[in-house]
Amino acid sequence: MTHALAEPLLVEPDWIAEHLDDRTVRVVEVDVNRTAYEQGHVPGAVLWNAYTDLRHADYSPVDTAELGQLLSRSGVTAETTVVVYGYAAHLGFWLLESFGHEHVRLLDGPREQWPTAGYGWNVEVPVPAASPYTPAVAGSRLGWSRDAVEALVGASDHVILDVRSQAEYDGDRFWPSGAPEETGRAGHVPGSVHVPIELLRSEDGRFKEPDELRRILGEHGITPDRRIVTYCTIGNRAGQAWFAMSHLLDYPDVDVYYGSWAEWGMRADTPVARGTST
């Protein structure tokens, strides 16, 4: 069988539409709940819920074995091209690449690109046949662990990059939505550099041009000669920053702290700083 693709990482709705009947392609919507998906999704797309599929009940992230099981349930094999879209698409893209999945494509920007391009949503929920899955990279890991990030606090050879909002970084909010319940300690990893992800985005929700991205990051000391670990709340905004630096700017050493603040702030033994950095 000839595989479907020698294509760029970023795809458009037309590309997805052309491959809806291609058995070597699986479309995945990644979001933080089922609401948008149940109202309508790309025909044949499966849903990965960032909280129930990609994290445990205590907000700790899944491991490689659990991600492999999710891929199997989604009907994905090592040869399948997975196209991710939706609110948390970049988290899905980063997870797949970290897992060693070779064929991953991304619809960057809002999910509304699909109807805007003239295509209709579908409400039927597919039930793919389970498939065997073996990761392409033996011993693959899903980003940096909490212990590894904590060991970086105060180190000068790495940058810990926080891409959350100002209110989250300062400690005024734990969740980006500002949920009122007390769920953990708000603040940021001590010594982390703050660059809100919105600075890297244009009004249409897509990334800014590479030269502009490079200028903004450089002004904050985020340069390609440094090792960078980025985090947010659950990993999606961190995945966006990782994608921009790794795939649009070719920064050589960027990774994600997958646990992010949902893990860090839920613990009582992690160091937490509050207030705006100087």
C-alpha atoms as a PDB file:
ATOM      1  CA  MET A   1       0.000   0.000   0.000  1.00  0.00           C
ATOM      2  CA  THR A   2       1.295   3.461  -0.861  1.00  0.00           C
ATOM      3  CA  HIS A   3       1.161   5.808   2.078  1.00  0.00           C
ATOM      4  CA  ALA A   4      -0.890   8.953   1.617  1.00  0.00           C
ATOM      5  CA  LEU A   5       1.627  11.559   2.307  1.00  0.00           C
ATOM      6  CA  ALA A   6       4.709  13.486   1.607  1.00  0.00           C
ATOM      7  CA  GLU A   7       3.097  16.636   2.845  1.00  0.00           C
ATOM      8  CA  PRO A   8       4.027  19.589   5.058  1.00  0.00           C
ATOM      9  CA  LEU A   9       3.242  19.424   8.762  1.00  0.00           C
ATOM     10  CA  LEU A  10       0.566  22.114   8.488  1.00  0.00           C
ATOM     11  CA  VAL A  11      -2.507  21.249   6.437  1.00  0.00           C
ATOM     12  CA  GLU A  12      -5.611  23.145   5.365  1.00  0.00           C
ATOM     13  CA  PRO A  13      -9.288  22.068   5.435  1.00  0.00           C
ATOM     14  CA  ASP A  14      -9.140  21.200   1.720  1.00  0.00           C
ATOM     15  CA  TRP A  15      -6.384  18.670   2.408  1.00  0.00           C
ATOM     16  CA  ILE A  16      -8.409  17.050   5.166  1.00  0.00           C
ATOM     17  CA  ALA A  17     -11.510  16.917   2.959  1.00  0.00           C
ATOM     18  CA  GLU A  18      -9.543  15.186   0.205  1.00  0.00           C
ATOM     19  CA  HIS A  19      -8.443  12.459   2.643  1.00  0.00           C
ATOM     20  CA  LEU A  20     -11.674  11.744   4.536  1.00  0.00           C
ATOM     21  CA  ASP A  21     -12.036   8.368   2.800  1.00  0.00           C
ATOM     22  CA  ASP A  22      -8.341   7.502   3.029  1.00  0.00           C
ATOM     23  CA  ARG A  23      -7.898   4.533   5.368  1.00  0.00           C
ATOM     24  CA  THR A  24      -4.296   5.551   6.051  1.00  0.00           C
ATOM     25  CA  VAL A  25      -5.492   8.824   7.614  1.00  0.00           C
ATOM     26  CA  ARG A  26      -7.170   9.310  11.013  1.00  0.00           C
ATOM     27  CA  VAL A  27      -8.567  12.732  11.977  1.00  0.00           C
ATOM     28  CA  VAL A  28      -8.528  13.535  15.711  1.00  0.00           C
ATOM     29  CA  GLU A  29     -10.182  16.471  17.443  1.00  0.00           C
ATOM     30  CA  VAL A  30      -8.425  17.368  20.713  1.00  0.00           C
ATOM     31  CA  ASP A  31     -10.339  19.446  23.249  1.00  0.00           C
ATOM     32  CA  VAL A  32     -10.864  19.878  26.990  1.00  0.00           C
ATOM     33  CA  ASN A  33     -14.472  18.589  26.907  1.00  0.00           C
ATOM     34  CA  ARG A  34     -17.010  17.010  24.527  1.00  0.00           C
ATOM     35  CA  THR A  35     -19.226  20.067  23.959  1.00  0.00           C
ATOM     36  CA  ALA A  36     -17.965  21.331  20.602  1.00  0.00           C
ATOM     37  CA  TYR A  37     -17.329  17.822  19.277  1.00  0.00           C
ATOM     38  CA  GLU A  38     -20.870  16.654  20.039  1.00  0.00           C
ATOM     39  CA  GLN A  39     -22.340  19.715  18.337  1.00  0.00           C
ATOM     40  CA  GLY A  40     -20.453  18.795  15.180  1.00  0.00           C
ATOM     41  CA  HIS A  41     -17.022  17.628  14.068  1.00  0.00           C
ATOM     42  CA  VAL A  42     -15.049  16.735  10.950  1.00  0.00           C
ATOM     43  CA  PRO A  43     -16.683  13.593   9.504  1.00  0.00           C
ATOM     44  CA  GLY A  44     -15.006  10.481  10.880  1.00  0.00           C
ATOM     45  CA  ALA A  45     -12.985  12.373  13.504  1.00  0.00           C
ATOM     46  CA  VAL A  46     -12.493  10.801  16.931  1.00  0.00           C
ATOM     47  CA  LEU A  47     -12.252  12.902  20.091  1.00  0.00           C
ATOM     48  CA  TRP A  48      -9.346  12.995  22.519  1.00  0.00           C
ATOM     49  CA  ASN A  49     -10.403  14.722  25.729  1.00  0.00           C
ATOM     50  CA  ALA A  50      -7.388  16.434  27.288  1.00  0.00           C
ATOM     51  CA  TYR A  51      -8.688  15.697  30.795  1.00  0.00           C
ATOM     52  CA  THR A  52     -10.242  12.234  30.533  1.00  0.00           C
ATOM     53  CA  ASP A  53      -8.033  10.713  27.811  1.00  0.00           C
ATOM     54  CA  LEU A  54      -4.721  12.528  28.248  1.00  0.00           C
ATOM     55  CA  ARG A  55      -4.690  12.962  32.045  1.00  0.00           C
ATOM     56  CA  HIS A  56      -5.697  11.058  35.157  1.00  0.00           C
ATOM     57  CA  ALA A  57      -8.345  12.136  37.656  1.00  0.00           C
ATOM     58  CA  ASP A  58      -5.644  13.844  39.768  1.00  0.00           C
ATOM     59  CA  TYR A  59      -4.520  15.829  36.667  1.00  0.00           C
ATOM     60  CA  SER A  60      -1.268  13.909  36.320  1.00  0.00           C
ATOM     61  CA  PRO A  61      -0.448  13.148  32.663  1.00  0.00           C
ATOM     62  CA  VAL A  62      -0.751   9.768  30.998  1.00  0.00           C
ATOM     63  CA  ASP A  63       2.400   7.809  30.230  1.00  0.00           C
ATOM     64  CA  THR A  64       3.583   6.264  26.973  1.00  0.00           C
ATOM     65  CA  ALA A  65       1.805   2.957  27.585  1.00  0.00           C
ATOM     66  CA  GLU A  66      -1.512   4.722  28.144  1.00  0.00           C
ATOM     67  CA  LEU A  67      -1.039   6.897  25.068  1.00  0.00           C
ATOM     68  CA  GLY A  68      -0.331   3.756  23.048  1.00  0.00           C
ATOM     69  CA  GLN A  69      -3.607   2.273  24.297  1.00  0.00           C
ATOM     70  CA  LEU A  70      -5.448   5.443  23.254  1.00  0.00           C
ATOM     71  CA  LEU A  71      -3.930   5.220  19.785  1.00  0.00           C
ATOM     72  CA  SER A  72      -5.000   1.606  19.552  1.00  0.00           C
ATOM     73  CA  ARG A  73      -8.582   2.471  20.589  1.00  0.00           C
ATOM     74  CA  SER A  74      -8.566   5.225  17.974  1.00  0.00           C
ATOM     75  CA  GLY A  75      -7.741   2.759  15.198  1.00  0.00           C
ATOM     76  CA  VAL A  76      -4.256   4.205  14.694  1.00  0.00           C
ATOM     77  CA  THR A  77      -1.276   2.102  13.674  1.00  0.00           C
ATOM     78  CA  ALA A  78       2.341   3.181  13.324  1.00  0.00           C
ATOM     79  CA  GLU A  79       1.688   3.713   9.606  1.00  0.00           C
ATOM     80  CA  THR A  80      -1.406   5.890  10.052  1.00  0.00           C
ATOM     81  CA  THR A  81      -1.250   9.600   9.353  1.00  0.00           C
ATOM     82  CA  VAL A  82      -2.916  11.375  12.257  1.00  0.00           C
ATOM     83  CA  VAL A  83      -4.335  14.845  11.580  1.00  0.00           C
ATOM     84  CA  VAL A  84      -5.076  16.823  14.745  1.00  0.00           C
ATOM     85  CA  TYR A  85      -7.316  19.862  15.003  1.00  0.00           C
ATOM     86  CA  GLY A  86      -9.349  21.687  17.620  1.00  0.00           C
ATOM     87  CA  TYR A  87      -8.756  23.635  20.813  1.00  0.00           C
ATOM     88  CA  ALA A  88      -5.889  21.451  22.067  1.00  0.00           C
ATOM     89  CA  ALA A  89      -4.528  20.299  18.708  1.00  0.00           C
ATOM     90  CA  HIS A  90      -0.951  21.320  19.476  1.00  0.00           C
ATOM     91  CA  LEU A  91      -0.938  19.199  22.616  1.00  0.00           C
ATOM     92  CA  GLY A  92      -2.014  16.231  20.487  1.00  0.00           C
ATOM     93  CA  PHE A  93       0.660  16.977  17.891  1.00  0.00           C
ATOM     94  CA  TRP A  94       3.412  17.245  20.508  1.00  0.00           C
ATOM     95  CA  LEU A  95       2.327  14.036  22.239  1.00  0.00           C
ATOM     96  CA  LEU A  96       2.379  12.084  18.996  1.00  0.00           C
ATOM     97  CA  GLU A  97       5.775  13.396  17.961  1.00  0.00           C
ATOM     98  CA  SER A  98       7.199  12.764  21.442  1.00  0.00           C
ATOM     99  CA  PHE A  99       5.774   9.254  21.330  1.00  0.00           C
ATOM    100  CA  GLY A 100       7.664   8.634  18.112  1.00  0.00           C
ATOM    101  CA  HIS A 101       4.684   8.608  15.750  1.00  0.00           C
ATOM    102  CA  GLU A 102       6.112   9.374  12.339  1.00  0.00           C
ATOM    103  CA  HIS A 103       3.102  10.701  10.422  1.00  0.00           C
ATOM    104  CA  VAL A 104       1.446  13.682  12.122  1.00  0.00           C
ATOM    105  CA  ARG A 105      -0.268  16.694  10.560  1.00  0.00           C
ATOM    106  CA  LEU A 106      -1.775  19.787  12.168  1.00  0.00           C
ATOM    107  CA  LEU A 107      -4.636  22.107  11.266  1.00  0.00           C
ATOM    108  CA  ASP A 108      -3.290  25.243  12.926  1.00  0.00           C
ATOM    109  CA  GLY A 109      -5.746  27.827  14.155  1.00  0.00           C
ATOM    110  CA  PRO A 110      -9.414  27.614  15.158  1.00  0.00           C
ATOM    111  CA  ARG A 111     -11.626  24.624  14.306  1.00  0.00           C
ATOM    112  CA  GLU A 112     -14.052  27.045  12.611  1.00  0.00           C
ATOM    113  CA  GLN A 113     -11.770  26.935   9.581  1.00  0.00           C
ATOM    114  CA  TRP A 114     -13.645  23.784   8.556  1.00  0.00           C
ATOM    115  CA  PRO A 115     -17.108  25.361   8.064  1.00  0.00           C
ATOM    116  CA  THR A 116     -15.543  28.608   6.844  1.00  0.00           C
ATOM    117  CA  ALA A 117     -13.951  26.621   4.024  1.00  0.00           C
ATOM    118  CA  GLY A 118     -17.427  25.383   3.040  1.00  0.00           C
ATOM    119  CA  TYR A 119     -17.461  21.966   4.695  1.00  0.00           C
ATOM    120  CA  GLY A 120     -20.159  20.613   6.986  1.00  0.00           C
ATOM    121  CA  TRP A 121     -19.895  19.210  10.480  1.00  0.00           C
ATOM    122  CA  ASN A 122     -20.998  15.678  11.316  1.00  0.00           C
ATOM    123  CA  VAL A 123     -22.521  14.456  14.579  1.00  0.00           C
ATOM    124  CA  GLU A 124     -21.996  10.714  14.099  1.00  0.00           C
ATOM    125  CA  VAL A 125     -19.421   9.326  16.552  1.00  0.00           C
ATOM    126  CA  PRO A 126     -17.173   6.765  14.853  1.00  0.00           C
ATOM    127  CA  VAL A 127     -16.181   3.587  16.669  1.00  0.00           C
ATOM    128  CA  PRO A 128     -12.882   2.514  15.077  1.00  0.00           C
ATOM    129  CA  ALA A 129     -11.763  -1.089  15.276  1.00  0.00           C
ATOM    130  CA  ALA A 130      -8.916  -1.396  17.752  1.00  0.00           C
ATOM    131  CA  SER A 131      -5.502  -1.721  16.146  1.00  0.00           C
ATOM    132  CA  PRO A 132      -2.139  -2.961  17.397  1.00  0.00           C
ATOM    133  CA  TYR A 133       0.318  -0.173  18.082  1.00  0.00           C
ATOM    134  CA  THR A 134       4.033  -0.272  18.807  1.00  0.00           C
ATOM    135  CA  PRO A 135       5.843   3.064  19.214  1.00  0.00           C
ATOM    136  CA  ALA A 136       8.408   3.802  16.550  1.00  0.00           C
ATOM    137  CA  VAL A 137      10.914   5.072  19.128  1.00  0.00           C
ATOM    138  CA  ALA A 138      11.781   2.568  21.841  1.00  0.00           C
ATOM    139  CA  GLY A 139      11.843   4.125  25.304  1.00  0.00           C
ATOM    140  CA  SER A 140      10.159   7.301  24.125  1.00  0.00           C
ATOM    141  CA  ARG A 141       9.131   9.746  26.853  1.00  0.00           C
ATOM    142  CA  LEU A 142       6.444  12.381  26.999  1.00  0.00           C
ATOM    143  CA  GLY A 143       8.433  15.502  27.781  1.00  0.00           C
ATOM    144  CA  TRP A 144      10.052  16.578  31.010  1.00  0.00           C
ATOM    145  CA  SER A 145       8.971  15.184  34.373  1.00  0.00           C
ATOM    146  CA  ARG A 146       8.161  17.330  37.392  1.00  0.00           C
ATOM    147  CA  ASP A 147      11.328  16.161  39.163  1.00  0.00           C
ATOM    148  CA  ALA A 148      13.444  17.073  36.136  1.00  0.00           C
ATOM    149  CA  VAL A 149      11.929  20.549  35.895  1.00  0.00           C
ATOM    150  CA  GLU A 150      12.340  21.138  39.628  1.00  0.00           C
ATOM    151  CA  ALA A 151      16.033  20.302  39.264  1.00  0.00           C
ATOM    152  CA  LEU A 152      16.291  23.154  36.717  1.00  0.00           C
ATOM    153  CA  VAL A 153      15.114  25.834  39.150  1.00  0.00           C
ATOM    154  CA  GLY A 154      18.049  28.176  39.600  1.00  0.00           C
ATOM    155  CA  ALA A 155      20.086  26.561  36.794  1.00  0.00           C
ATOM    156  CA  SER A 156      21.598  28.906  34.226  1.00  0.00           C
ATOM    157  CA  ASP A 157      21.932  26.496  31.315  1.00  0.00           C
ATOM    158  CA  HIS A 158      18.172  26.140  30.714  1.00  0.00           C
ATOM    159  CA  VAL A 159      15.178  28.413  30.285  1.00  0.00           C
ATOM    160  CA  ILE A 160      11.876  27.435  31.885  1.00  0.00           C
ATOM    161  CA  LEU A 161       9.286  29.184  29.726  1.00  0.00           C
ATOM    162  CA  ASP A 162       5.807  29.939  31.077  1.00  0.00           C
ATOM    163  CA  VAL A 163       3.323  30.788  28.296  1.00  0.00           C
ATOM    164  CA  ARG A 164       0.181  31.248  30.423  1.00  0.00           C
ATOM    165  CA  SER A 165      -1.705  34.494  30.946  1.00  0.00           C
ATOM    166  CA  GLN A 166      -0.435  37.288  33.187  1.00  0.00           C
ATOM    167  CA  ALA A 167      -3.099  36.471  35.812  1.00  0.00           C
ATOM    168  CA  GLU A 168      -2.018  32.836  35.952  1.00  0.00           C
ATOM    169  CA  TYR A 169       1.665  33.680  36.101  1.00  0.00           C
ATOM    170  CA  ASP A 170       1.159  36.273  38.847  1.00  0.00           C
ATOM    171  CA  GLY A 171      -0.862  33.824  40.927  1.00  0.00           C
ATOM    172  CA  ASP A 172      -4.245  35.533  40.603  1.00  0.00           C
ATOM    173  CA  ARG A 173      -5.712  32.486  38.843  1.00  0.00           C
ATOM    174  CA  PHE A 174      -5.017  28.781  38.879  1.00  0.00           C
ATOM    175  CA  TRP A 175      -7.060  27.863  35.790  1.00  0.00           C
ATOM    176  CA  PRO A 176      -7.117  30.088  32.699  1.00  0.00           C
ATOM    177  CA  SER A 177     -10.915  30.340  32.969  1.00  0.00           C
ATOM    178  CA  GLY A 178     -10.618  31.719  36.478  1.00  0.00           C
ATOM    179  CA  ALA A 179     -12.707  28.904  37.963  1.00  0.00           C
ATOM    180  CA  PRO A 180     -13.617  29.903  41.525  1.00  0.00           C
ATOM    181  CA  GLU A 181     -13.019  26.599  43.297  1.00  0.00           C
ATOM    182  CA  GLU A 182      -9.810  26.206  45.261  1.00  0.00           C
ATOM    183  CA  THR A 183      -8.010  23.471  43.403  1.00  0.00           C
ATOM    184  CA  GLY A 184      -4.346  24.133  44.004  1.00  0.00           C
ATOM    185  CA  ARG A 185      -1.676  26.769  44.539  1.00  0.00           C
ATOM    186  CA  ALA A 186      -1.531  29.529  41.945  1.00  0.00           C
ATOM    187  CA  GLY A 187       1.715  31.120  40.764  1.00  0.00           C
ATOM    188  CA  HIS A 188       4.640  30.063  38.605  1.00  0.00           C
ATOM    189  CA  VAL A 189       7.798  27.979  38.650  1.00  0.00           C
ATOM    190  CA  PRO A 190      10.485  30.119  40.326  1.00  0.00           C
ATOM    191  CA  GLY A 191      12.800  31.706  37.790  1.00  0.00           C
ATOM    192  CA  SER A 192      10.571  30.938  34.815  1.00  0.00           C
ATOM    193  CA  VAL A 193      10.454  33.423  31.953  1.00  0.00           C
ATOM    194  CA  HIS A 194       6.969  34.662  31.059  1.00  0.00           C
ATOM    195  CA  VAL A 195       5.899  34.997  27.411  1.00  0.00           C
ATOM    196  CA  PRO A 196       2.090  34.740  27.056  1.00  0.00           C
ATOM    197  CA  ILE A 197       1.214  32.548  24.088  1.00  0.00           C
ATOM    198  CA  GLU A 198      -0.981  35.337  22.702  1.00  0.00           C
ATOM    199  CA  LEU A 199       2.177  37.271  21.836  1.00  0.00           C
ATOM    200  CA  LEU A 200       3.027  34.570  19.295  1.00  0.00           C
ATOM    201  CA  ARG A 201      -0.406  34.552  17.670  1.00  0.00           C
ATOM    202  CA  SER A 202      -2.093  36.780  15.087  1.00  0.00           C
ATOM    203  CA  GLU A 203      -5.697  37.949  15.323  1.00  0.00           C
ATOM    204  CA  ASP A 204      -6.839  35.042  13.136  1.00  0.00           C
ATOM    205  CA  GLY A 205      -5.461  32.544  15.666  1.00  0.00           C
ATOM    206  CA  ARG A 206      -2.494  31.476  13.565  1.00  0.00           C
ATOM    207  CA  PHE A 207       1.172  31.922  14.346  1.00  0.00           C
ATOM    208  CA  LYS A 208       2.848  35.201  13.462  1.00  0.00           C
ATOM    209  CA  GLU A 209       5.525  35.264  10.783  1.00  0.00           C
ATOM    210  CA  PRO A 210       8.827  33.587  11.731  1.00  0.00           C
ATOM    211  CA  ASP A 211      10.798  36.838  11.838  1.00  0.00           C
ATOM    212  CA  GLU A 212       8.272  38.343  14.236  1.00  0.00           C
ATOM    213  CA  LEU A 213       8.276  35.203  16.390  1.00  0.00           C
ATOM    214  CA  ARG A 214      12.057  35.260  16.540  1.00  0.00           C
ATOM    215  CA  ARG A 215      12.071  38.936  17.540  1.00  0.00           C
ATOM    216  CA  ILE A 216       9.498  38.498  20.321  1.00  0.00           C
ATOM    217  CA  LEU A 217      11.194  35.445  21.787  1.00  0.00           C
ATOM    218  CA  GLY A 218      14.635  37.028  21.497  1.00  0.00           C
ATOM    219  CA  GLU A 219      13.477  40.055  23.462  1.00  0.00           C
ATOM    220  CA  HIS A 220      12.711  37.692  26.333  1.00  0.00           C
ATOM    221  CA  GLY A 221      16.012  35.832  26.103  1.00  0.00           C
ATOM    222  CA  ILE A 222      14.454  32.809  24.387  1.00  0.00           C
ATOM    223  CA  THR A 223      17.150  32.159  21.803  1.00  0.00           C
ATOM    224  CA  PRO A 224      18.134  29.028  19.842  1.00  0.00           C
ATOM    225  CA  ASP A 225      21.440  28.616  21.677  1.00  0.00           C
ATOM    226  CA  ARG A 226      19.623  27.799  24.930  1.00  0.00           C
ATOM    227  CA  ARG A 227      17.824  24.649  26.110  1.00  0.00           C
ATOM    228  CA  ILE A 228      14.160  25.469  26.626  1.00  0.00           C
ATOM    229  CA  VAL A 229      11.429  23.718  28.599  1.00  0.00           C
ATOM    230  CA  THR A 230       7.983  25.235  28.223  1.00  0.00           C
ATOM    231  CA  TYR A 231       4.835  24.766  30.303  1.00  0.00           C
ATOM    232  CA  CYS A 232       1.300  26.123  30.754  1.00  0.00           C
ATOM    233  CA  THR A 233      -1.673  24.579  32.598  1.00  0.00           C
ATOM    234  CA  ILE A 234      -2.322  21.257  30.848  1.00  0.00           C
ATOM    235  CA  GLY A 235       0.245  21.363  28.024  1.00  0.00           C
ATOM    236  CA  ASN A 236      -1.686  22.819  25.076  1.00  0.00           C
ATOM    237  CA  ARG A 237      -0.298  26.353  25.115  1.00  0.00           C
ATOM    238  CA  ALA A 238       3.119  24.902  25.899  1.00  0.00           C
ATOM    239  CA  GLY A 239       2.669  22.662  22.853  1.00  0.00           C
ATOM    240  CA  GLN A 240       1.924  25.722  20.746  1.00  0.00           C
ATOM    241  CA  ALA A 241       5.123  27.429  21.870  1.00  0.00           C
ATOM    242  CA  TRP A 242       7.081  24.213  21.320  1.00  0.00           C
ATOM    243  CA  PHE A 243       5.673  23.888  17.785  1.00  0.00           C
ATOM    244  CA  ALA A 244       6.546  27.489  16.923  1.00  0.00           C
ATOM    245  CA  MET A 245      10.121  27.177  18.160  1.00  0.00           C
ATOM    246  CA  SER A 246      10.812  23.632  16.957  1.00  0.00           C
ATOM    247  CA  HIS A 247       9.050  23.609  13.600  1.00  0.00           C
ATOM    248  CA  LEU A 248       8.754  27.238  12.506  1.00  0.00           C
ATOM    249  CA  LEU A 249      12.046  28.584  13.868  1.00  0.00           C
ATOM    250  CA  ASP A 250      14.158  25.400  13.999  1.00  0.00           C
ATOM    251  CA  TYR A 251      15.259  25.889  17.594  1.00  0.00           C
ATOM    252  CA  PRO A 252      17.304  22.733  18.241  1.00  0.00           C
ATOM    253  CA  ASP A 253      16.490  21.944  21.898  1.00  0.00           C
ATOM    254  CA  VAL A 254      12.910  22.645  22.993  1.00  0.00           C
ATOM    255  CA  ASP A 255      10.618  20.370  24.978  1.00  0.00           C
ATOM    256  CA  VAL A 256       7.451  20.487  27.078  1.00  0.00           C
ATOM    257  CA  TYR A 257       6.833  19.899  30.759  1.00  0.00           C
ATOM    258  CA  TYR A 258       3.690  17.864  30.140  1.00  0.00           C
ATOM    259  CA  GLY A 259       2.542  17.869  33.771  1.00  0.00           C
ATOM    260  CA  SER A 260       2.492  21.688  33.623  1.00  0.00           C
ATOM    261  CA  TRP A 261       0.704  23.725  36.283  1.00  0.00           C
ATOM    262  CA  ALA A 262      -2.162  21.245  36.663  1.00  0.00           C
ATOM    263  CA  GLU A 263       0.396  18.884  38.178  1.00  0.00           C
ATOM    264  CA  TRP A 264       2.850  21.360  39.735  1.00  0.00           C
ATOM    265  CA  GLY A 265       0.269  23.535  41.475  1.00  0.00           C
ATOM    266  CA  MET A 266      -1.709  20.577  42.800  1.00  0.00           C
ATOM    267  CA  ARG A 267       1.216  19.429  44.929  1.00  0.00           C
ATOM    268  CA  ALA A 268       2.137  20.814  48.332  1.00  0.00           C
ATOM    269  CA  ASP A 269       5.880  20.173  47.967  1.00  0.00           C
ATOM    270  CA  THR A 270       6.766  22.089  44.783  1.00  0.00           C
ATOM    271  CA  PRO A 271       8.312  25.569  44.945  1.00  0.00           C
ATOM    272  CA  VAL A 272       5.892  28.302  43.833  1.00  0.00           C
ATOM    273  CA  ALA A 273       6.591  31.962  43.128  1.00  0.00           C
ATOM    274  CA  ARG A 274       3.956  34.689  42.832  1.00  0.00           C
ATOM    275  CA  GLY A 275       3.899  38.171  41.345  1.00  0.00           C
ATOM    276  CA  THR A 276       5.163  39.655  38.105  1.00  0.00           C
ATOM    277  CA  SER A 277       8.751  38.894  37.146  1.00  0.00           C
ATOM    278  CA  THR A 278      11.224  41.723  36.792  1.00  0.00           C
END
